[in-house]
Amino acid sequence: AFVEDWLVGHPRNASVIPGRVPVFLSRKYPRCNVASGHGHLA
């Protein structure tokens, strides 16, 4: 979902490196900050 200028979601992807998935998602959504779950990392 979109919350103002934030993309918030539960992506299909996961990584063992904290922050990697939301950084990669930011490439697809160049106008958004990104916050995500699913990876169980912080």
PDB file of all heavy atoms in Angstrom:
ATOM      1  N   ALA A   1       0.856  -1.183   0.000  1.00  0.00           N
ATOM      2  CA  ALA A   1       0.000   0.000   0.000  1.00  0.00           C
ATOM      3  C   ALA A   1       0.890   1.231   0.000  1.00  0.00           C
ATOM      4  O   ALA A   1       2.094   1.156   0.295  1.00  0.00           O
ATOM      5  CB  ALA A   1      -0.916   0.009   1.221  1.00  0.00           C
ATOM      6  N   PHE A   2       0.297   2.372  -0.328  1.00  0.00           N
ATOM      7  CA  PHE A   2       1.014   3.640  -0.316  1.00  0.00           C
ATOM      8  C   PHE A   2       0.512   4.492   0.842  1.00  0.00           C
ATOM      9  O   PHE A   2      -0.696   4.686   1.003  1.00  0.00           O
ATOM     10  CB  PHE A   2       0.837   4.373  -1.643  1.00  0.00           C
ATOM     11  CG  PHE A   2       1.506   3.692  -2.803  1.00  0.00           C
ATOM     12  CD1 PHE A   2       0.797   2.836  -3.635  1.00  0.00           C
ATOM     13  CD2 PHE A   2       2.862   3.889  -3.046  1.00  0.00           C
ATOM     14  CE1 PHE A   2       1.417   2.192  -4.695  1.00  0.00           C
ATOM     15  CE2 PHE A   2       3.493   3.244  -4.103  1.00  0.00           C
ATOM     16  CZ  PHE A   2       2.774   2.399  -4.927  1.00  0.00           C
ATOM     17  N   VAL A   3       1.454   4.959   1.651  1.00  0.00           N
ATOM     18  CA  VAL A   3       1.144   5.864   2.753  1.00  0.00           C
ATOM     19  C   VAL A   3       1.906   7.159   2.475  1.00  0.00           C
ATOM     20  O   VAL A   3       3.114   7.239   2.714  1.00  0.00           O
ATOM     21  CB  VAL A   3       1.572   5.268   4.107  1.00  0.00           C
ATOM     22  CG1 VAL A   3       1.213   6.218   5.244  1.00  0.00           C
ATOM     23  CG2 VAL A   3       0.932   3.894   4.322  1.00  0.00           C
ATOM     24  N   GLU A   4       1.188   8.158   1.967  1.00  0.00           N
ATOM     25  CA  GLU A   4       1.834   9.405   1.531  1.00  0.00           C
ATOM     26  C   GLU A   4       2.962   9.062   0.541  1.00  0.00           C
ATOM     27  O   GLU A   4       2.714   8.430  -0.461  1.00  0.00           O
ATOM     28  CB  GLU A   4       2.342  10.189   2.747  1.00  0.00           C
ATOM     29  CG  GLU A   4       1.227  10.629   3.703  1.00  0.00           C
ATOM     30  CD  GLU A   4       0.296  11.664   3.109  1.00  0.00           C
ATOM     31  OE1 GLU A   4       0.704  12.400   2.193  1.00  0.00           O
ATOM     32  OE2 GLU A   4      -0.861  11.745   3.560  1.00  0.00           O
ATOM     33  N   ASP A   5       4.215   9.444   0.859  1.00  0.00           N
ATOM     34  CA  ASP A   5       5.327   9.159  -0.053  1.00  0.00           C
ATOM     35  C   ASP A   5       6.089   7.895   0.348  1.00  0.00           C
ATOM     36  O   ASP A   5       7.263   7.737   0.014  1.00  0.00           O
ATOM     37  CB  ASP A   5       6.286  10.352  -0.125  1.00  0.00           C
ATOM     38  CG  ASP A   5       6.852  10.730   1.231  1.00  0.00           C
ATOM     39  OD1 ASP A   5       6.298  10.290   2.256  1.00  0.00           O
ATOM     40  OD2 ASP A   5       7.852  11.478   1.278  1.00  0.00           O
ATOM     41  N   TRP A   6       5.407   6.982   1.035  1.00  0.00           N
ATOM     42  CA  TRP A   6       6.008   5.719   1.458  1.00  0.00           C
ATOM     43  C   TRP A   6       5.302   4.543   0.783  1.00  0.00           C
ATOM     44  O   TRP A   6       4.073   4.507   0.689  1.00  0.00           O
ATOM     45  CB  TRP A   6       5.906   5.549   2.975  1.00  0.00           C
ATOM     46  CG  TRP A   6       6.923   6.362   3.716  1.00  0.00           C
ATOM     47  CD1 TRP A   6       6.856   7.686   4.031  1.00  0.00           C
ATOM     48  CD2 TRP A   6       8.169   5.889   4.234  1.00  0.00           C
ATOM     49  NE1 TRP A   6       7.976   8.073   4.707  1.00  0.00           N
ATOM     50  CE2 TRP A   6       8.808   6.991   4.847  1.00  0.00           C
ATOM     51  CE3 TRP A   6       8.806   4.652   4.233  1.00  0.00           C
ATOM     52  CZ2 TRP A   6      10.052   6.892   5.457  1.00  0.00           C
ATOM     53  CZ3 TRP A   6      10.044   4.541   4.841  1.00  0.00           C
ATOM     54  CH2 TRP A   6      10.662   5.654   5.443  1.00  0.00           C
ATOM     55  N   LEU A   7       6.107   3.593   0.317  1.00  0.00           N
ATOM     56  CA  LEU A   7       5.602   2.300  -0.133  1.00  0.00           C
ATOM     57  C   LEU A   7       5.818   1.319   1.016  1.00  0.00           C
ATOM     58  O   LEU A   7       6.939   1.153   1.497  1.00  0.00           O
ATOM     59  CB  LEU A   7       6.361   1.823  -1.373  1.00  0.00           C
ATOM     60  CG  LEU A   7       6.136   0.374  -1.805  1.00  0.00           C
ATOM     61  CD1 LEU A   7       4.720   0.171  -2.322  1.00  0.00           C
ATOM     62  CD2 LEU A   7       7.149  -0.051  -2.863  1.00  0.00           C
ATOM     63  N   VAL A   8       4.737   0.696   1.478  1.00  0.00           N
ATOM     64  CA  VAL A   8       4.801  -0.239   2.602  1.00  0.00           C
ATOM     65  C   VAL A   8       4.237  -1.571   2.139  1.00  0.00           C
ATOM     66  O   VAL A   8       3.151  -1.618   1.553  1.00  0.00           O
ATOM     67  CB  VAL A   8       3.998   0.280   3.804  1.00  0.00           C
ATOM     68  CG1 VAL A   8       4.084  -0.702   4.972  1.00  0.00           C
ATOM     69  CG2 VAL A   8       4.487   1.660   4.234  1.00  0.00           C
ATOM     70  N   GLY A   9       4.970  -2.668   2.384  1.00  0.00           N
ATOM     71  CA  GLY A   9       4.433  -3.927   1.913  1.00  0.00           C
ATOM     72  C   GLY A   9       5.137  -5.153   2.424  1.00  0.00           C
ATOM     73  O   GLY A   9       6.054  -5.099   3.245  1.00  0.00           O
ATOM     74  N   HIS A  10       4.644  -6.279   1.913  1.00  0.00           N
ATOM     75  CA  HIS A  10       5.134  -7.604   2.270  1.00  0.00           C
ATOM     76  C   HIS A  10       5.611  -8.270   0.983  1.00  0.00           C
ATOM     77  O   HIS A  10       4.867  -9.017   0.342  1.00  0.00           O
ATOM     78  CB  HIS A  10       4.000  -8.416   2.911  1.00  0.00           C
ATOM     79  CG  HIS A  10       4.460  -9.632   3.642  1.00  0.00           C
ATOM     80  ND1 HIS A  10       4.690  -9.648   4.993  1.00  0.00           N
ATOM     81  CD2 HIS A  10       4.743 -10.892   3.210  1.00  0.00           C
ATOM     82  CE1 HIS A  10       5.076 -10.842   5.371  1.00  0.00           C
ATOM     83  NE2 HIS A  10       5.122 -11.622   4.297  1.00  0.00           N
ATOM     84  N   PRO A  11       6.843  -7.994   0.548  1.00  0.00           N
ATOM     85  CA  PRO A  11       7.307  -8.490  -0.757  1.00  0.00           C
ATOM     86  C   PRO A  11       7.496  -9.999  -0.774  1.00  0.00           C
ATOM     87  O   PRO A  11       7.594 -10.650   0.270  1.00  0.00           O
ATOM     88  CB  PRO A  11       8.641  -7.759  -0.946  1.00  0.00           C
ATOM     89  CG  PRO A  11       9.112  -7.473   0.434  1.00  0.00           C
ATOM     90  CD  PRO A  11       7.883  -7.212   1.250  1.00  0.00           C
ATOM     91  N   ARG A  12       7.570 -10.545  -1.965  1.00  0.00           N
ATOM     92  CA  ARG A  12       7.831 -11.977  -2.126  1.00  0.00           C
ATOM     93  C   ARG A  12       9.292 -12.308  -1.846  1.00  0.00           C
ATOM     94  O   ARG A  12       9.626 -13.453  -1.545  1.00  0.00           O
ATOM     95  CB  ARG A  12       7.478 -12.412  -3.549  1.00  0.00           C
ATOM     96  CG  ARG A  12       6.016 -12.246  -3.895  1.00  0.00           C
ATOM     97  CD  ARG A  12       5.761 -12.568  -5.363  1.00  0.00           C
ATOM     98  NE  ARG A  12       5.992 -13.963  -5.652  1.00  0.00           N
ATOM     99  CZ  ARG A  12       5.062 -14.911  -5.627  1.00  0.00           C
ATOM    100  NH1 ARG A  12       3.826 -14.600  -5.299  1.00  0.00           N
ATOM    101  NH2 ARG A  12       5.348 -16.160  -5.924  1.00  0.00           N
ATOM    102  N   ASN A  13      10.153 -11.303  -1.968  1.00  0.00           N
ATOM    103  CA  ASN A  13      11.589 -11.529  -1.849  1.00  0.00           C
ATOM    104  C   ASN A  13      12.044 -11.404  -0.401  1.00  0.00           C
ATOM    105  O   ASN A  13      11.458 -10.706   0.401  1.00  0.00           O
ATOM    106  CB  ASN A  13      12.353 -10.522  -2.705  1.00  0.00           C
ATOM    107  CG  ASN A  13      11.771 -10.401  -4.094  1.00  0.00           C
ATOM    108  OD1 ASN A  13      10.914  -9.571  -4.327  1.00  0.00           O
ATOM    109  ND2 ASN A  13      12.219 -11.235  -4.999  1.00  0.00           N
ATOM    110  N   ALA A  14      13.150 -12.085  -0.087  1.00  0.00           N
ATOM    111  CA  ALA A  14      13.778 -11.981   1.230  1.00  0.00           C
ATOM    112  C   ALA A  14      15.288 -12.016   1.038  1.00  0.00           C
ATOM    113  O   ALA A  14      15.796 -12.522   0.034  1.00  0.00           O
ATOM    114  CB  ALA A  14      13.330 -13.119   2.145  1.00  0.00           C
ATOM    115  N   SER A  15      16.002 -11.455   1.990  1.00  0.00           N
ATOM    116  CA  SER A  15      17.460 -11.424   1.924  1.00  0.00           C
ATOM    117  C   SER A  15      18.017 -11.613   3.331  1.00  0.00           C
ATOM    118  O   SER A  15      17.351 -11.321   4.326  1.00  0.00           O
ATOM    119  CB  SER A  15      17.941 -10.088   1.349  1.00  0.00           C
ATOM    120  OG  SER A  15      19.353  -9.970   1.435  1.00  0.00           O
ATOM    121  N   VAL A  16      19.244 -12.101   3.417  1.00  0.00           N
ATOM    122  CA  VAL A  16      19.912 -12.233   4.712  1.00  0.00           C
ATOM    123  C   VAL A  16      20.625 -10.935   5.081  1.00  0.00           C
ATOM    124  O   VAL A  16      21.246 -10.845   6.135  1.00  0.00           O
ATOM    125  CB  VAL A  16      20.918 -13.401   4.709  1.00  0.00           C
ATOM    126  CG1 VAL A  16      20.193 -14.720   4.519  1.00  0.00           C
ATOM    127  CG2 VAL A  16      21.989 -13.205   3.634  1.00  0.00           C
ATOM    128  N   ILE A  17      20.526  -9.934   4.212  1.00  0.00           N
ATOM    129  CA  ILE A  17      21.144  -8.636   4.469  1.00  0.00           C
ATOM    130  C   ILE A  17      20.043  -7.642   4.802  1.00  0.00           C
ATOM    131  O   ILE A  17      19.209  -7.328   3.948  1.00  0.00           O
ATOM    132  CB  ILE A  17      21.946  -8.146   3.247  1.00  0.00           C
ATOM    133  CG1 ILE A  17      23.031  -9.159   2.884  1.00  0.00           C
ATOM    134  CG2 ILE A  17      22.553  -6.769   3.526  1.00  0.00           C
ATOM    135  CD1 ILE A  17      23.782  -8.816   1.616  1.00  0.00           C
ATOM    136  N   PRO A  18      19.997  -7.137   6.033  1.00  0.00           N
ATOM    137  CA  PRO A  18      18.946  -6.182   6.402  1.00  0.00           C
ATOM    138  C   PRO A  18      18.956  -4.959   5.492  1.00  0.00           C
ATOM    139  O   PRO A  18      19.998  -4.400   5.186  1.00  0.00           O
ATOM    140  CB  PRO A  18      19.301  -5.806   7.847  1.00  0.00           C
ATOM    141  CG  PRO A  18      20.120  -6.943   8.354  1.00  0.00           C
ATOM    142  CD  PRO A  18      20.891  -7.444   7.165  1.00  0.00           C
ATOM    143  N   GLY A  19      17.787  -4.564   5.026  1.00  0.00           N
ATOM    144  CA  GLY A  19      17.647  -3.388   4.193  1.00  0.00           C
ATOM    145  C   GLY A  19      17.795  -3.618   2.706  1.00  0.00           C
ATOM    146  O   GLY A  19      17.446  -2.743   1.903  1.00  0.00           O
ATOM    147  N   ARG A  20      18.302  -4.781   2.298  1.00  0.00           N
ATOM    148  CA  ARG A  20      18.559  -4.990   0.867  1.00  0.00           C
ATOM    149  C   ARG A  20      17.265  -5.005   0.054  1.00  0.00           C
ATOM    150  O   ARG A  20      17.184  -4.360  -1.005  1.00  0.00           O
ATOM    151  CB  ARG A  20      19.327  -6.286   0.652  1.00  0.00           C
ATOM    152  CG  ARG A  20      19.401  -6.712  -0.816  1.00  0.00           C
ATOM    153  CD  ARG A  20      20.437  -7.754  -1.081  1.00  0.00           C
ATOM    154  NE  ARG A  20      21.784  -7.168  -1.084  1.00  0.00           N
ATOM    155  CZ  ARG A  20      22.872  -7.835  -1.484  1.00  0.00           C
ATOM    156  NH1 ARG A  20      22.765  -9.095  -1.891  1.00  0.00           N
ATOM    157  NH2 ARG A  20      24.048  -7.254  -1.469  1.00  0.00           N
ATOM    158  N   VAL A  21      16.247  -5.712   0.509  1.00  0.00           N
ATOM    159  CA  VAL A  21      15.018  -5.813  -0.273  1.00  0.00           C
ATOM    160  C   VAL A  21      14.340  -4.451  -0.433  1.00  0.00           C
ATOM    161  O   VAL A  21      13.980  -4.067  -1.550  1.00  0.00           O
ATOM    162  CB  VAL A  21      14.062  -6.857   0.331  1.00  0.00           C
ATOM    163  CG1 VAL A  21      12.695  -6.807  -0.346  1.00  0.00           C
ATOM    164  CG2 VAL A  21      14.657  -8.260   0.192  1.00  0.00           C
ATOM    165  N   PRO A  22      14.151  -3.668   0.644  1.00  0.00           N
ATOM    166  CA  PRO A  22      13.546  -2.345   0.424  1.00  0.00           C
ATOM    167  C   PRO A  22      14.406  -1.425  -0.447  1.00  0.00           C
ATOM    168  O   PRO A  22      13.862  -0.609  -1.196  1.00  0.00           O
ATOM    169  CB  PRO A  22      13.366  -1.784   1.844  1.00  0.00           C
ATOM    170  CG  PRO A  22      14.231  -2.611   2.720  1.00  0.00           C
ATOM    171  CD  PRO A  22      14.298  -3.954   2.082  1.00  0.00           C
ATOM    172  N   VAL A  23      15.729  -1.546  -0.378  1.00  0.00           N
ATOM    173  CA  VAL A  23      16.583  -0.754  -1.269  1.00  0.00           C
ATOM    174  C   VAL A  23      16.329  -1.150  -2.721  1.00  0.00           C
ATOM    175  O   VAL A  23      16.194  -0.299  -3.605  1.00  0.00           O
ATOM    176  CB  VAL A  23      18.069  -0.928  -0.919  1.00  0.00           C
ATOM    177  CG1 VAL A  23      18.951  -0.404  -2.046  1.00  0.00           C
ATOM    178  CG2 VAL A  23      18.407  -0.193   0.369  1.00  0.00           C
ATOM    179  N   PHE A  24      16.256  -2.447  -2.989  1.00  0.00           N
ATOM    180  CA  PHE A  24      16.001  -2.908  -4.360  1.00  0.00           C
ATOM    181  C   PHE A  24      14.602  -2.472  -4.827  1.00  0.00           C
ATOM    182  O   PHE A  24      14.411  -2.119  -5.988  1.00  0.00           O
ATOM    183  CB  PHE A  24      16.138  -4.419  -4.446  1.00  0.00           C
ATOM    184  CG  PHE A  24      17.572  -4.905  -4.484  1.00  0.00           C
ATOM    185  CD1 PHE A  24      18.626  -4.029  -4.325  1.00  0.00           C
ATOM    186  CD2 PHE A  24      17.860  -6.248  -4.672  1.00  0.00           C
ATOM    187  CE1 PHE A  24      19.945  -4.453  -4.359  1.00  0.00           C
ATOM    188  CE2 PHE A  24      19.181  -6.703  -4.719  1.00  0.00           C
ATOM    189  CZ  PHE A  24      20.218  -5.796  -4.565  1.00  0.00           C
ATOM    190  N   LEU A  25      13.623  -2.511  -3.916  1.00  0.00           N
ATOM    191  CA  LEU A  25      12.273  -2.082  -4.285  1.00  0.00           C
ATOM    192  C   LEU A  25      12.249  -0.601  -4.643  1.00  0.00           C
ATOM    193  O   LEU A  25      11.456  -0.169  -5.496  1.00  0.00           O
ATOM    194  CB  LEU A  25      11.293  -2.357  -3.141  1.00  0.00           C
ATOM    195  CG  LEU A  25      10.865  -3.807  -2.936  1.00  0.00           C
ATOM    196  CD1 LEU A  25      10.082  -3.951  -1.643  1.00  0.00           C
ATOM    197  CD2 LEU A  25      10.025  -4.295  -4.111  1.00  0.00           C
ATOM    198  N   SER A  26      13.112   0.172  -4.020  1.00  0.00           N
ATOM    199  CA  SER A  26      13.135   1.610  -4.298  1.00  0.00           C
ATOM    200  C   SER A  26      13.553   1.892  -5.741  1.00  0.00           C
ATOM    201  O   SER A  26      13.277   2.968  -6.266  1.00  0.00           O
ATOM    202  CB  SER A  26      14.083   2.320  -3.326  1.00  0.00           C
ATOM    203  OG  SER A  26      15.444   2.022  -3.612  1.00  0.00           O
ATOM    204  N   ARG A  27      14.203   0.944  -6.401  1.00  0.00           N
ATOM    205  CA  ARG A  27      14.558   1.121  -7.807  1.00  0.00           C
ATOM    206  C   ARG A  27      13.312   1.103  -8.688  1.00  0.00           C
ATOM    207  O   ARG A  27      13.240   1.788  -9.699  1.00  0.00           O
ATOM    208  CB  ARG A  27      15.519   0.016  -8.260  1.00  0.00           C
ATOM    209  CG  ARG A  27      16.857  -0.001  -7.522  1.00  0.00           C
ATOM    210  CD  ARG A  27      17.655  -1.236  -7.925  1.00  0.00           C
ATOM    211  NE  ARG A  27      18.955  -1.298  -7.262  1.00  0.00           N
ATOM    212  CZ  ARG A  27      19.789  -2.330  -7.358  1.00  0.00           C
ATOM    213  NH1 ARG A  27      19.462  -3.386  -8.108  1.00  0.00           N
ATOM    214  NH2 ARG A  27      20.946  -2.314  -6.719  1.00  0.00           N
ATOM    215  N   LYS A  28      12.326   0.296  -8.302  1.00  0.00           N
ATOM    216  CA  LYS A  28      11.092   0.199  -9.071  1.00  0.00           C
ATOM    217  C   LYS A  28      10.141   1.352  -8.764  1.00  0.00           C
ATOM    218  O   LYS A  28       9.275   1.675  -9.576  1.00  0.00           O
ATOM    219  CB  LYS A  28      10.381  -1.130  -8.768  1.00  0.00           C
ATOM    220  CG  LYS A  28      11.118  -2.367  -9.228  1.00  0.00           C
ATOM    221  CD  LYS A  28      10.304  -3.618  -8.957  1.00  0.00           C
ATOM    222  CE  LYS A  28       9.024  -3.647  -9.769  1.00  0.00           C
ATOM    223  NZ  LYS A  28       8.277  -4.921  -9.568  1.00  0.00           N
ATOM    224  N   TYR A  29      10.295   1.930  -7.576  1.00  0.00           N
ATOM    225  CA  TYR A  29       9.413   3.017  -7.164  1.00  0.00           C
ATOM    226  C   TYR A  29      10.284   4.220  -6.800  1.00  0.00           C
ATOM    227  O   TYR A  29      10.505   4.526  -5.623  1.00  0.00           O
ATOM    228  CB  TYR A  29       8.560   2.572  -5.979  1.00  0.00           C
ATOM    229  CG  TYR A  29       7.676   1.394  -6.307  1.00  0.00           C
ATOM    230  CD1 TYR A  29       8.116   0.084  -6.118  1.00  0.00           C
ATOM    231  CD2 TYR A  29       6.400   1.585  -6.836  1.00  0.00           C
ATOM    232  CE1 TYR A  29       7.305  -0.993  -6.435  1.00  0.00           C
ATOM    233  CE2 TYR A  29       5.584   0.513  -7.157  1.00  0.00           C
ATOM    234  CZ  TYR A  29       6.043  -0.777  -6.956  1.00  0.00           C
ATOM    235  OH  TYR A  29       5.241  -1.833  -7.271  1.00  0.00           O
ATOM    236  N   PRO A  30      10.785   4.926  -7.817  1.00  0.00           N
ATOM    237  CA  PRO A  30      11.812   5.950  -7.588  1.00  0.00           C
ATOM    238  C   PRO A  30      11.331   7.192  -6.856  1.00  0.00           C
ATOM    239  O   PRO A  30      12.141   8.041  -6.511  1.00  0.00           O
ATOM    240  CB  PRO A  30      12.278   6.289  -9.013  1.00  0.00           C
ATOM    241  CG  PRO A  30      11.121   5.936  -9.886  1.00  0.00           C
ATOM    242  CD  PRO A  30      10.481   4.746  -9.252  1.00  0.00           C
ATOM    243  N   ARG A  31      10.049   7.308  -6.610  1.00  0.00           N
ATOM    244  CA  ARG A  31       9.537   8.480  -5.898  1.00  0.00           C
ATOM    245  C   ARG A  31       9.172   8.162  -4.450  1.00  0.00           C
ATOM    246  O   ARG A  31       8.673   9.032  -3.735  1.00  0.00           O
ATOM    247  CB  ARG A  31       8.311   9.042  -6.622  1.00  0.00           C
ATOM    248  CG  ARG A  31       8.598   9.558  -8.024  1.00  0.00           C
ATOM    249  CD  ARG A  31       7.358  10.147  -8.665  1.00  0.00           C
ATOM    250  NE  ARG A  31       7.648  10.651 -10.012  1.00  0.00           N
ATOM    251  CZ  ARG A  31       6.738  11.202 -10.807  1.00  0.00           C
ATOM    252  NH1 ARG A  31       5.491  11.337 -10.382  1.00  0.00           N
ATOM    253  NH2 ARG A  31       7.081  11.628 -12.008  1.00  0.00           N
ATOM    254  N   CYS A  32       9.410   6.935  -4.033  1.00  0.00           N
ATOM    255  CA  CYS A  32       8.940   6.508  -2.717  1.00  0.00           C
ATOM    256  C   CYS A  32      10.081   6.123  -1.785  1.00  0.00           C
ATOM    257  O   CYS A  32      11.086   5.542  -2.215  1.00  0.00           O
ATOM    258  CB  CYS A  32       8.013   5.296  -2.847  1.00  0.00           C
ATOM    259  SG  CYS A  32       6.483   5.619  -3.740  1.00  0.00           S
ATOM    260  N   ASN A  33       9.899   6.438  -0.504  1.00  0.00           N
ATOM    261  CA  ASN A  33      10.621   5.726   0.532  1.00  0.00           C
ATOM    262  C   ASN A  33       9.978   4.345   0.639  1.00  0.00           C
ATOM    263  O   ASN A  33       8.793   4.169   0.307  1.00  0.00           O
ATOM    264  CB  ASN A  33      10.492   6.455   1.865  1.00  0.00           C
ATOM    265  CG  ASN A  33      11.036   7.878   1.810  1.00  0.00           C
ATOM    266  OD1 ASN A  33      12.233   8.091   1.840  1.00  0.00           O
ATOM    267  ND2 ASN A  33      10.126   8.851   1.710  1.00  0.00           N
ATOM    268  N   VAL A  34      10.711   3.362   1.136  1.00  0.00           N
ATOM    269  CA  VAL A  34      10.201   1.995   1.153  1.00  0.00           C
ATOM    270  C   VAL A  34      10.374   1.384   2.537  1.00  0.00           C
ATOM    271  O   VAL A  34      11.441   1.495   3.152  1.00  0.00           O
ATOM    272  CB  VAL A  34      10.919   1.107   0.110  1.00  0.00           C
ATOM    273  CG1 VAL A  34      10.352  -0.314   0.145  1.00  0.00           C
ATOM    274  CG2 VAL A  34      10.768   1.697  -1.290  1.00  0.00           C
ATOM    275  N   ALA A  35       9.310   0.742   3.024  1.00  0.00           N
ATOM    276  CA  ALA A  35       9.364  -0.022   4.268  1.00  0.00           C
ATOM    277  C   ALA A  35       8.710  -1.371   4.015  1.00  0.00           C
ATOM    278  O   ALA A  35       7.609  -1.436   3.462  1.00  0.00           O
ATOM    279  CB  ALA A  35       8.641   0.714   5.401  1.00  0.00           C
ATOM    280  N   SER A  36       9.389  -2.453   4.415  1.00  0.00           N
ATOM    281  CA  SER A  36       8.865  -3.778   4.082  1.00  0.00           C
ATOM    282  C   SER A  36       9.075  -4.763   5.214  1.00  0.00           C
ATOM    283  O   SER A  36       9.907  -4.574   6.100  1.00  0.00           O
ATOM    284  CB  SER A  36       9.533  -4.311   2.803  1.00  0.00           C
ATOM    285  OG  SER A  36      10.922  -4.494   2.991  1.00  0.00           O
ATOM    286  N   GLY A  37       8.272  -5.823   5.152  1.00  0.00           N
ATOM    287  CA  GLY A  37       8.378  -6.942   6.077  1.00  0.00           C
ATOM    288  C   GLY A  37       8.801  -8.194   5.345  1.00  0.00           C
ATOM    289  O   GLY A  37       9.505  -8.139   4.349  1.00  0.00           O
ATOM    290  N   HIS A  38       8.368  -9.336   5.845  1.00  0.00           N
ATOM    291  CA  HIS A  38       8.576 -10.658   5.267  1.00  0.00           C
ATOM    292  C   HIS A  38       9.937 -11.258   5.595  1.00  0.00           C
ATOM    293  O   HIS A  38      10.029 -12.448   5.892  1.00  0.00           O
ATOM    294  CB  HIS A  38       8.380 -10.666   3.751  1.00  0.00           C
ATOM    295  CG  HIS A  38       8.586 -12.010   3.121  1.00  0.00           C
ATOM    296  ND1 HIS A  38       7.838 -13.109   3.472  1.00  0.00           N
ATOM    297  CD2 HIS A  38       9.480 -12.434   2.186  1.00  0.00           C
ATOM    298  CE1 HIS A  38       8.259 -14.165   2.768  1.00  0.00           C
ATOM    299  NE2 HIS A  38       9.245 -13.779   1.987  1.00  0.00           N
ATOM    300  N   GLY A  39      11.011 -10.472   5.560  1.00  0.00           N
ATOM    301  CA  GLY A  39      12.344 -11.031   5.767  1.00  0.00           C
ATOM    302  C   GLY A  39      12.690 -11.333   7.205  1.00  0.00           C
ATOM    303  O   GLY A  39      13.693 -11.986   7.487  1.00  0.00           O
ATOM    304  N   HIS A  40      11.850 -10.837   8.150  1.00  0.00           N
ATOM    305  CA  HIS A  40      12.075 -11.077   9.581  1.00  0.00           C
ATOM    306  C   HIS A  40      13.393 -10.480  10.076  1.00  0.00           C
ATOM    307  O   HIS A  40      13.909 -10.888  11.101  1.00  0.00           O
ATOM    308  CB  HIS A  40      12.028 -12.570   9.925  1.00  0.00           C
ATOM    309  CG  HIS A  40      10.699 -13.203   9.659  1.00  0.00           C
ATOM    310  ND1 HIS A  40      10.509 -14.566   9.705  1.00  0.00           N
ATOM    311  CD2 HIS A  40       9.502 -12.670   9.329  1.00  0.00           C
ATOM    312  CE1 HIS A  40       9.243 -14.841   9.421  1.00  0.00           C
ATOM    313  NE2 HIS A  40       8.611 -13.695   9.192  1.00  0.00           N
ATOM    314  N   LEU A  41      13.927  -9.536   9.308  1.00  0.00           N
ATOM    315  CA  LEU A  41      15.119  -8.811   9.727  1.00  0.00           C
ATOM    316  C   LEU A  41      14.743  -7.345   9.925  1.00  0.00           C
ATOM    317  O   LEU A  41      13.676  -6.900   9.511  1.00  0.00           O
ATOM    318  CB  LEU A  41      16.230  -8.939   8.690  1.00  0.00           C
ATOM    319  CG  LEU A  41      16.714 -10.353   8.398  1.00  0.00           C
ATOM    320  CD1 LEU A  41      17.830 -10.328   7.366  1.00  0.00           C
ATOM    321  CD2 LEU A  41      17.188 -11.054   9.672  1.00  0.00           C
ATOM    322  N   ALA A  42      15.621  -6.601  10.574  1.00  0.00           N
ATOM    323  CA  ALA A  42      15.320  -5.206  10.865  1.00  0.00           C
ATOM    324  C   ALA A  42      16.542  -4.349  10.581  1.00  0.00           C
ATOM    325  O   ALA A  42      17.673  -4.729  10.902  1.00  0.00           O
ATOM    326  CB  ALA A  42      14.893  -5.043  12.328  1.00  0.00           C
TER     327      ALA A  42
END
